[in-house]
């Protein structure tokens, strides 16, 4: 079979590293587990024993909760699912081998965004979810569905939008005489950063060396991408040069500085932010959970606002990170399983749990105007932040752009995050030369 030949070829190519995973993971990040839950999360319902794999403990716990609700609401469609948590690389490699051999694949699985293109090559060994997606088609952020689609078929549902926003420590900014609401453009951001550094001697924002969150946002604002319409890398594009020139200029003027760990979503970085060493973080909405987990004493100090742009009128956000939940071709009880996955990921019940339990921005935008959800003063995320997260989400609702995830992205992430960004921000190498070298290296790797 053509699909088997393609999968065999896939199995020989090692393109994604743990570092690439760090760049793209939104749902798991540094909370991923390397252990297996064994039979501990097995549902009590009858019928065929099904299995779902994931690489994040929180995801398994979420699905177990949703399964209990599903079985209660749908006694005639009860499912018996064992949820197993595996290490990130092990899980994806094991899934690929199982689909290649036609044996041992789970019935359902989480596939991280950076790995997903590998499972769409040729004839995907995943079950199309079009029929169970149809009721929600007009309610979701379309760019988050496009990431997991091919030839007009949807193969996976995400946990979140991952809308990029700016987090401002208002207590620190007010002491330096800075109003974060006046920051609209990157020029404004730079001036505020210079003023903050002059007043405090501390860093304003971050210059990331081990993640592409900032460059992704800046490319999206310019309606550009890391790859062209044919999926070919374009790392030395004028838009990429402009993005990194802007960031380096801000670094040179002390508006931003490198951070321990290379990006904010690292243990050392979170410790530095908690210590007041940085006053601004530009990250996805899912980063809210990091504040509650690693910076609980900062409650009430941080405001969420739209990210800066080069020029007013440009889109102010991009969806970053993600994990698509799939049903495999060889799954048992396929239709009921598909309906359950859609219920867990897209329904009002599921989206409420995604927000309340995980702190992720739901892809079903109907929830964004549900006052029961958005104005719940007992919600831990709403209680923590100085501003209501949904106020910002609704403000940028129609401005959340897409950075494509395709076969070239693991190579691109690896080169940028292990070589190029360090060369630019740590070694102060020429930006255009660094990007030309990155372009050449990725092209060579993809031959």
Protein backbone atom coordinates (compact mmCIF):
# COMPACT_ATOMS: atom_id res chain seq x y z
CA UNK A 1 0.00 0.00 0.00
CA UNK A 2 1.08 3.52 -0.78
CA UNK A 3 0.40 4.66 2.78
CA UNK A 4 2.53 1.88 4.24
CA UNK A 5 5.45 2.76 1.95
CA UNK A 6 5.20 6.37 3.01
CA UNK A 7 5.06 5.42 6.67
CA UNK A 8 8.11 3.19 6.22
CA UNK A 9 9.97 6.12 4.77
CA UNK A 10 8.73 8.26 7.65
CA UNK A 11 10.00 5.80 10.21
CA UNK A 12 13.56 6.23 8.96
CA UNK A 13 13.55 9.99 9.28
CA UNK A 14 14.36 11.54 12.63
CA UNK A 15 13.31 15.15 12.38
CA UNK A 16 11.86 16.17 15.68
CA UNK A 17 13.83 16.53 18.88
CA UNK A 18 12.75 17.21 22.44
CA UNK A 19 13.81 20.81 21.85
CA UNK A 20 11.45 21.13 18.91
CA UNK A 21 8.75 19.84 21.19
CA UNK A 22 9.48 22.62 23.65
CA UNK A 23 8.97 25.18 20.89
CA UNK A 24 5.57 23.89 19.90
CA UNK A 25 3.95 22.34 22.95
CA UNK A 26 1.26 24.56 24.39
CA UNK A 27 -0.84 22.16 26.36
CA UNK A 28 1.92 20.38 28.19
CA UNK A 29 5.11 22.39 28.42
CA UNK A 30 7.07 21.61 31.55
CA UNK A 31 4.13 19.75 33.11
CA UNK A 32 4.45 16.67 30.89
CA UNK A 33 4.88 13.36 32.65
CA UNK A 34 7.19 10.51 31.70
CA UNK A 35 5.23 7.92 33.62
CA UNK A 36 2.42 5.58 32.67
CA UNK A 37 -0.85 5.57 34.48
CA UNK A 38 -1.25 1.87 33.83
CA UNK A 39 -4.79 0.86 34.61
CA UNK A 40 -5.31 3.55 37.20
CA UNK A 41 -7.42 5.72 34.91
CA UNK A 42 -9.59 2.98 33.50
CA UNK A 43 -13.27 3.81 33.32
CA UNK A 44 -15.77 1.61 35.07
CA UNK A 45 -18.10 1.21 32.08
CA UNK A 46 -18.69 -1.99 30.17
CA UNK A 47 -17.93 -2.89 26.56
CA UNK A 48 -14.78 -3.08 24.47
CA UNK A 49 -11.64 -2.00 26.29
CA UNK A 50 -10.33 1.07 24.45
CA UNK A 51 -7.01 2.83 24.98
CA UNK A 52 -5.92 6.42 24.64
CA UNK A 53 -2.32 7.65 24.82
CA UNK A 54 -1.19 11.11 25.82
CA UNK A 55 2.08 12.71 26.95
CA UNK A 56 0.63 15.06 29.57
CA UNK A 57 -0.84 14.02 32.92
CA UNK A 58 -3.27 16.93 32.89
CA UNK A 59 -4.70 15.75 29.58
CA UNK A 60 -5.34 12.25 30.94
CA UNK A 61 -7.04 13.67 34.02
CA UNK A 62 -9.17 15.96 31.87
CA UNK A 63 -10.29 13.11 29.62
CA UNK A 64 -11.10 10.86 32.56
CA UNK A 65 -13.34 13.58 33.98
CA UNK A 66 -15.04 14.06 30.60
CA UNK A 67 -15.46 10.30 30.15
CA UNK A 68 -17.31 10.06 33.45
CA UNK A 69 -19.65 12.85 32.29
CA UNK A 70 -20.11 11.23 28.87
CA UNK A 71 -21.02 7.85 30.33
CA UNK A 72 -23.50 9.44 32.70
CA UNK A 73 -25.16 11.42 29.91
CA UNK A 74 -25.02 8.64 27.31
CA UNK A 75 -25.75 5.32 29.02
CA UNK A 76 -26.46 3.70 25.64
CA UNK A 77 -23.03 4.79 24.32
CA UNK A 78 -20.85 4.08 27.35
CA UNK A 79 -17.15 3.77 26.69
CA UNK A 80 -14.45 1.90 28.59
CA UNK A 81 -11.17 3.76 28.05
CA UNK A 82 -7.79 3.25 29.66
CA UNK A 83 -5.71 6.46 29.61
CA UNK A 84 -1.95 5.99 29.46
CA UNK A 85 0.64 8.77 29.86
CA UNK A 86 3.94 8.18 28.02
CA UNK A 87 7.07 10.32 27.57
CA UNK A 88 6.72 12.78 24.66
CA UNK A 89 9.15 11.26 22.15
CA UNK A 90 8.43 7.67 23.16
CA UNK A 91 4.72 8.12 22.64
CA UNK A 92 5.00 9.69 19.19
CA UNK A 93 7.59 7.16 18.01
CA UNK A 94 5.56 4.26 19.37
CA UNK A 95 2.42 5.56 17.65
CA UNK A 96 4.22 5.94 14.35
CA UNK A 97 5.61 2.40 14.54
CA UNK A 98 2.20 1.00 15.45
CA UNK A 99 0.50 2.71 12.53
CA UNK A 100 3.28 1.50 10.24
CA UNK A 101 2.92 -2.12 11.31
CA UNK A 102 -0.84 -2.01 11.63
CA UNK A 103 -0.58 -3.45 15.13
CA UNK A 104 -0.53 -2.01 18.63
CA UNK A 105 -1.90 1.48 17.95
CA UNK A 106 -4.24 2.97 20.56
CA UNK A 107 -7.83 3.76 19.68
CA UNK A 108 -7.29 7.46 20.37
CA UNK A 109 -4.19 9.55 20.95
CA UNK A 110 -2.90 13.06 21.55
CA UNK A 111 -0.50 14.21 18.81
CA UNK A 112 1.49 17.37 19.48
CA UNK A 113 1.31 20.09 16.83
CA UNK A 114 4.95 19.82 15.79
CA UNK A 115 4.58 16.09 15.15
CA UNK A 116 1.18 16.22 13.48
CA UNK A 117 2.37 16.80 9.88
CA UNK A 118 4.22 13.47 10.01
CA UNK A 119 0.90 11.69 10.56
CA UNK A 120 -0.82 13.46 7.66
CA UNK A 121 1.66 12.30 5.03
CA UNK A 122 0.27 10.09 2.29
CA UNK A 123 -2.97 8.40 3.28
CA UNK A 124 -3.42 9.37 6.97
CA UNK A 125 -3.94 6.38 9.23
CA UNK A 126 -6.30 8.53 11.26
CA UNK A 127 -10.07 8.61 11.21
CA UNK A 128 -11.67 11.73 9.63
CA UNK A 129 -13.70 13.62 12.24
CA UNK A 130 -15.77 15.64 9.77
CA UNK A 131 -19.16 14.32 10.84
CA UNK A 132 -18.70 14.96 14.56
CA UNK A 133 -17.11 18.34 13.82
CA UNK A 134 -20.05 19.56 11.73
CA UNK A 135 -22.22 20.78 14.66
CA UNK A 136 -19.38 23.01 15.88
CA UNK A 137 -18.02 24.15 12.52
CA UNK A 138 -19.24 27.75 12.77
CA UNK A 139 -18.41 28.15 16.47
CA UNK A 140 -14.65 27.54 16.54
CA UNK A 141 -11.50 29.49 15.70
CA UNK A 142 -10.91 28.15 12.20
CA UNK A 143 -7.12 28.47 12.27
CA UNK A 144 -7.00 25.92 15.11
CA UNK A 145 -8.84 23.39 12.97
CA UNK A 146 -6.75 24.02 9.86
CA UNK A 147 -3.65 22.86 11.74
CA UNK A 148 -5.05 19.34 11.96
CA UNK A 149 -6.71 19.14 8.54
CA UNK A 150 -5.79 17.81 5.11
CA UNK A 151 -7.72 17.79 1.81
CA UNK A 152 -10.79 19.27 3.52
CA UNK A 153 -10.87 16.56 6.19
CA UNK A 154 -10.42 17.25 9.92
CA UNK A 155 -8.25 14.69 11.74
CA UNK A 156 -7.72 16.23 15.18
CA UNK A 157 -9.26 18.57 17.77
CA UNK A 158 -7.11 20.93 19.84
CA UNK A 159 -7.33 21.81 23.53
CA UNK A 160 -6.93 25.55 23.05
CA UNK A 161 -6.49 28.53 20.77
CA UNK A 162 -3.15 29.49 22.30
CA UNK A 163 -3.78 33.15 21.48
CA UNK A 164 -0.63 35.20 22.03
CA UNK A 165 -0.98 38.11 24.47
CA UNK A 166 1.22 40.35 26.61
CA UNK A 167 1.45 39.83 30.37
CA UNK A 168 2.44 43.00 32.26
CA UNK A 169 3.52 43.22 35.92
CA UNK A 170 1.54 46.36 36.74
CA UNK A 171 3.08 46.76 40.19
CA UNK A 172 6.59 46.99 38.75
CA UNK A 173 5.52 49.20 35.83
CA UNK A 174 3.62 51.66 38.02
CA UNK A 175 6.71 52.14 40.20
CA UNK A 176 8.61 53.09 37.03
CA UNK A 177 5.84 55.42 35.85
CA UNK A 178 4.74 53.24 32.94
CA UNK A 179 1.15 52.60 31.87
CA UNK A 180 0.95 49.32 29.96
CA UNK A 181 -2.26 50.47 28.26
CA UNK A 182 -0.26 53.04 26.30
CA UNK A 183 1.82 50.28 24.64
CA UNK A 184 0.31 49.65 21.22
CA UNK A 185 3.29 49.26 18.86
CA UNK A 186 6.73 47.73 19.16
CA UNK A 187 8.05 51.30 19.12
CA UNK A 188 5.96 52.01 22.22
CA UNK A 189 7.24 48.77 23.75
CA UNK A 190 10.85 49.77 23.10
CA UNK A 191 10.40 53.25 24.62
CA UNK A 192 8.70 51.79 27.69
CA UNK A 193 11.50 49.25 28.03
CA UNK A 194 14.17 51.93 27.83
CA UNK A 195 12.35 54.00 30.45
CA UNK A 196 11.92 50.98 32.71
CA UNK A 197 15.59 50.03 32.51
CA UNK A 198 16.68 53.62 33.20
CA UNK A 199 14.41 53.77 36.25
CA UNK A 200 15.12 50.33 37.73
CA UNK A 201 18.26 48.89 36.14
CA UNK A 202 16.22 45.74 35.52
CA UNK A 203 14.92 44.05 32.42
CA UNK A 204 11.59 44.92 30.84
CA UNK A 205 10.91 42.10 28.35
CA UNK A 206 12.70 38.98 27.15
CA UNK A 207 14.90 38.18 24.16
CA UNK A 208 14.20 34.50 23.61
CA UNK A 209 17.01 32.24 22.42
CA UNK A 210 15.46 28.77 22.72
CA UNK A 211 11.94 29.41 21.45
CA UNK A 212 10.28 31.02 18.43
CA UNK A 213 7.20 32.46 20.14
CA UNK A 214 8.24 36.08 19.53
CA UNK A 215 9.31 35.63 15.92
CA UNK A 216 6.12 33.69 15.18
CA UNK A 217 4.02 36.59 16.45
CA UNK A 218 6.02 39.14 14.49
CA UNK A 219 5.81 37.10 11.28
CA UNK A 220 2.06 36.68 11.71
CA UNK A 221 1.64 40.41 12.22
CA UNK A 222 3.31 40.91 8.83
CA UNK A 223 1.11 38.17 7.32
CA UNK A 224 4.18 36.04 6.72
CA UNK A 225 5.37 32.60 7.86
CA UNK A 226 8.46 30.40 8.21
CA UNK A 227 7.48 28.55 5.03
CA UNK A 228 6.01 29.67 1.70
CA UNK A 229 2.80 28.50 0.05
CA UNK A 230 4.59 25.33 -1.10
CA UNK A 231 5.88 24.48 2.37
CA UNK A 232 9.45 25.52 1.54
CA UNK A 233 11.48 27.32 4.23
CA UNK A 234 11.89 31.10 3.94
CA UNK A 235 13.96 31.90 7.00
CA UNK A 236 15.80 34.82 5.40
CA UNK A 237 12.65 36.59 4.20
CA UNK A 238 12.41 40.40 4.57
CA UNK A 239 9.73 39.86 7.23
CA UNK A 240 11.99 37.56 9.27
CA UNK A 241 14.87 40.04 8.97
CA UNK A 242 12.56 42.83 10.15
CA UNK A 243 11.33 40.79 13.11
CA UNK A 244 14.77 39.89 14.39
CA UNK A 245 16.23 43.33 13.64
CA UNK A 246 13.45 44.85 15.75
CA UNK A 247 14.12 42.45 18.62
CA UNK A 248 17.90 42.96 18.49
CA UNK A 249 17.43 46.72 18.40
CA UNK A 250 15.31 46.43 21.54
CA UNK A 251 17.97 44.28 23.15
CA UNK A 252 20.70 46.80 22.31
CA UNK A 253 18.64 49.58 23.92
CA UNK A 254 18.00 47.49 27.08
CA UNK A 255 14.26 47.14 26.38
CA UNK A 256 14.60 43.35 26.37
CA UNK A 257 17.25 40.91 27.59
CA UNK A 258 17.99 37.19 27.37
CA UNK A 259 16.45 35.08 30.12
CA UNK A 260 17.67 31.97 31.99
CA UNK A 261 16.55 28.87 30.13
CA UNK A 262 16.26 30.79 26.88
CA UNK A 263 12.52 31.52 27.11
CA UNK A 264 9.87 32.26 29.78
CA UNK A 265 8.40 28.74 29.88
CA UNK A 266 11.35 27.21 31.71
CA UNK A 267 11.84 26.62 35.44
CA UNK A 268 14.80 29.01 35.75
CA UNK A 269 12.98 31.66 33.74
CA UNK A 270 9.84 31.41 35.85
CA UNK A 271 11.96 31.82 38.97
CA UNK A 272 13.49 34.99 37.50
CA UNK A 273 10.07 36.38 36.58
CA UNK A 274 8.77 35.56 40.04
CA UNK A 275 11.77 37.39 41.49
CA UNK A 276 10.85 40.59 39.60
CA UNK A 277 13.77 40.37 37.16
CA UNK A 278 11.41 40.84 34.16
CA UNK A 279 8.27 42.96 33.95
CA UNK A 280 6.71 41.74 30.68
CA UNK A 281 6.15 38.34 29.11
CA UNK A 282 4.77 37.90 25.59
CA UNK A 283 3.29 34.40 25.44
CA UNK A 284 0.21 32.38 24.63
CA UNK A 285 -2.88 32.38 26.86
CA UNK A 286 -1.99 28.92 28.14
CA UNK A 287 0.95 30.51 29.97
CA UNK A 288 -1.60 31.68 32.57
CA UNK A 289 -1.29 28.27 34.20
CA UNK A 290 2.43 28.85 34.77
CA UNK A 291 1.70 31.95 36.83
CA UNK A 292 -0.64 30.06 39.11
CA UNK A 293 1.66 27.06 39.39
CA UNK A 294 5.04 28.73 39.76
CA UNK A 295 4.23 32.32 40.82
CA UNK A 296 1.24 32.07 43.18
CA UNK A 297 2.37 35.04 45.27
CA UNK A 298 2.15 37.33 42.23
CA UNK A 299 -1.66 37.19 42.19
CA UNK A 300 -3.29 40.54 41.46
CA UNK A 301 -0.15 42.06 39.97
CA UNK A 302 -0.32 40.87 36.35
CA UNK A 303 -2.53 42.30 33.62
CA UNK A 304 -3.26 40.65 30.27
CA UNK A 305 -3.40 42.86 27.17
CA UNK A 306 -3.07 42.56 23.37
CA UNK A 307 0.50 42.15 22.16
CA UNK A 308 2.24 45.07 20.40
CA UNK A 309 2.31 45.33 16.60
CA UNK A 310 4.59 47.06 14.11
CA UNK A 311 1.76 49.27 12.84
CA UNK A 312 -1.78 49.85 14.07
CA UNK A 313 -4.26 47.72 12.16
CA UNK A 314 -2.07 44.63 11.98
CA UNK A 315 -3.38 41.40 13.58
CA UNK A 316 -2.34 41.44 17.23
CA UNK A 317 -2.19 37.73 17.95
CA UNK A 318 -1.29 34.30 16.65
CA UNK A 319 -2.26 30.87 17.93
CA UNK A 320 0.78 29.07 19.33
CA UNK A 321 1.35 25.58 20.61
CA UNK A 322 -1.25 22.86 20.43
CA UNK A 323 -2.12 19.19 20.65
CA UNK A 324 -4.63 17.43 18.41
CA UNK A 325 -6.60 14.47 19.76
CA UNK A 326 -7.17 11.83 17.07
CA UNK A 327 -8.96 8.53 16.52
CA UNK A 328 -6.85 5.93 14.71
CA UNK A 329 -8.02 3.92 11.70
CA UNK A 330 -7.99 0.64 13.61
CA UNK A 331 -9.99 1.98 16.57
CA UNK A 332 -12.76 -0.08 18.08
CA UNK A 333 -16.22 1.44 18.55
CA UNK A 334 -15.18 4.26 16.21
CA UNK A 335 -18.35 6.29 15.96
CA UNK A 336 -19.02 6.49 19.69
CA UNK A 337 -15.34 7.26 20.31
CA UNK A 338 -15.39 10.08 17.74
CA UNK A 339 -18.54 11.52 19.30
CA UNK A 340 -16.91 11.38 22.72
CA UNK A 341 -13.74 13.17 21.54
CA UNK A 342 -15.88 15.92 19.98
CA UNK A 343 -17.90 16.17 23.21
CA UNK A 344 -14.75 16.45 25.32
CA UNK A 345 -12.98 18.98 23.12
CA UNK A 346 -15.71 21.08 21.48
CA UNK A 347 -18.95 20.94 23.47
CA UNK A 348 -19.96 23.49 26.08
CA UNK A 349 -19.32 20.93 28.83
CA UNK A 350 -15.88 20.13 27.50
CA UNK A 351 -14.86 23.71 26.82
CA UNK A 352 -15.91 24.77 30.32
CA UNK A 353 -13.72 22.03 31.79
CA UNK A 354 -10.83 23.03 29.51
CA UNK A 355 -11.05 26.57 30.91
CA UNK A 356 -11.83 25.78 34.54
CA UNK A 357 -9.39 22.89 34.98
CA UNK A 358 -6.61 23.56 32.49
CA UNK A 359 -6.75 27.34 32.07
CA UNK A 360 -6.70 27.08 28.28
CA UNK A 361 -8.53 29.50 25.98
CA UNK A 362 -11.36 27.41 24.45
CA UNK A 363 -11.49 27.08 20.65
CA UNK A 364 -15.30 27.26 20.79
CA UNK A 365 -15.77 31.03 20.87
CA UNK A 366 -19.38 30.73 22.06
CA UNK A 367 -17.84 30.26 25.49
CA UNK A 368 -16.06 33.61 25.29
CA UNK A 369 -19.35 35.45 25.80
CA UNK A 370 -20.82 33.05 28.35
CA UNK A 371 -20.99 35.20 31.47
CA UNK A 372 -21.36 32.16 33.70
CA UNK A 373 -17.86 31.23 32.55
CA UNK A 374 -16.20 34.58 31.84
CA UNK A 375 -17.47 36.41 34.93
CA UNK A 376 -17.06 33.59 37.44
CA UNK A 377 -15.29 35.35 40.31
CA UNK A 378 -14.47 32.01 41.91
CA UNK A 379 -12.45 30.87 38.89
CA UNK A 380 -8.79 30.67 39.88
CA UNK A 381 -7.52 32.32 36.69
CA UNK A 382 -9.99 35.21 36.83
CA UNK A 383 -9.11 35.70 40.51
CA UNK A 384 -5.35 35.73 39.81
CA UNK A 385 -5.08 38.33 37.05
CA UNK A 386 -5.69 42.05 37.39
CA UNK A 387 -7.66 42.03 34.14
CA UNK A 388 -10.22 39.50 32.93
CA UNK A 389 -8.54 37.20 30.37
CA UNK A 390 -11.71 37.06 28.29
CA UNK A 391 -11.76 40.84 27.84
CA UNK A 392 -8.51 40.59 25.89
CA UNK A 393 -9.60 37.44 24.07
CA UNK A 394 -12.78 39.10 22.84
CA UNK A 395 -10.85 42.20 21.82
CA UNK A 396 -8.52 40.18 19.56
CA UNK A 397 -11.10 37.55 18.59
CA UNK A 398 -10.86 38.28 14.85
CA UNK A 399 -7.10 38.90 14.83
CA UNK A 400 -5.73 35.49 15.80
CA UNK A 401 -3.48 34.46 12.92
CA UNK A 402 -2.01 31.11 11.94
CA UNK A 403 1.59 29.94 11.65
CA UNK A 404 1.57 26.77 9.59
CA UNK A 405 2.84 23.49 10.99
CA UNK A 406 4.23 21.38 8.17
CA UNK A 407 6.98 18.86 7.44
CA UNK A 408 9.71 21.52 7.45
CA UNK A 409 8.86 22.97 10.86
CA UNK A 410 10.74 20.49 13.11
CA UNK A 411 13.96 21.24 11.19
CA UNK A 412 13.27 24.97 11.22
CA UNK A 413 12.61 25.03 14.95
CA UNK A 414 15.70 22.98 15.70
CA UNK A 415 18.02 25.25 13.70
CA UNK A 416 16.53 28.50 14.98
CA UNK A 417 16.44 27.42 18.61
CA UNK A 418 19.81 25.72 18.87
CA UNK A 419 21.90 27.93 16.60
CA UNK A 420 20.37 31.03 15.02
CA UNK A 421 18.72 32.84 17.92
CA UNK A 422 21.76 32.27 20.12
CA UNK A 423 23.99 33.64 17.37
CA UNK A 424 21.87 36.77 17.10
CA UNK A 425 21.13 37.54 20.76
CA UNK A 426 24.15 36.03 22.55
CA UNK A 427 26.96 36.30 19.99
CA UNK A 428 25.56 39.43 18.26
CA UNK A 429 26.22 38.02 14.80
CA UNK A 430 24.92 39.79 11.70
CA UNK A 431 21.19 39.08 11.44
CA UNK A 432 20.93 38.62 7.67
CA UNK A 433 24.03 36.39 7.61
CA UNK A 434 22.66 34.28 10.48
CA UNK A 435 19.34 33.83 8.70
CA UNK A 436 21.04 33.01 5.39
CA UNK A 437 23.01 30.30 7.17
CA UNK A 438 19.85 28.98 8.83
CA UNK A 439 18.09 28.87 5.47
CA UNK A 440 20.95 26.92 3.91
CA UNK A 441 21.15 24.45 6.80
CA UNK A 442 17.41 23.70 6.74
CA UNK A 443 17.42 23.33 2.96
CA UNK A 444 20.30 20.85 3.22
CA UNK A 445 18.50 18.85 5.95
CA UNK A 446 15.31 18.62 3.92
CA UNK A 447 16.99 17.30 0.75
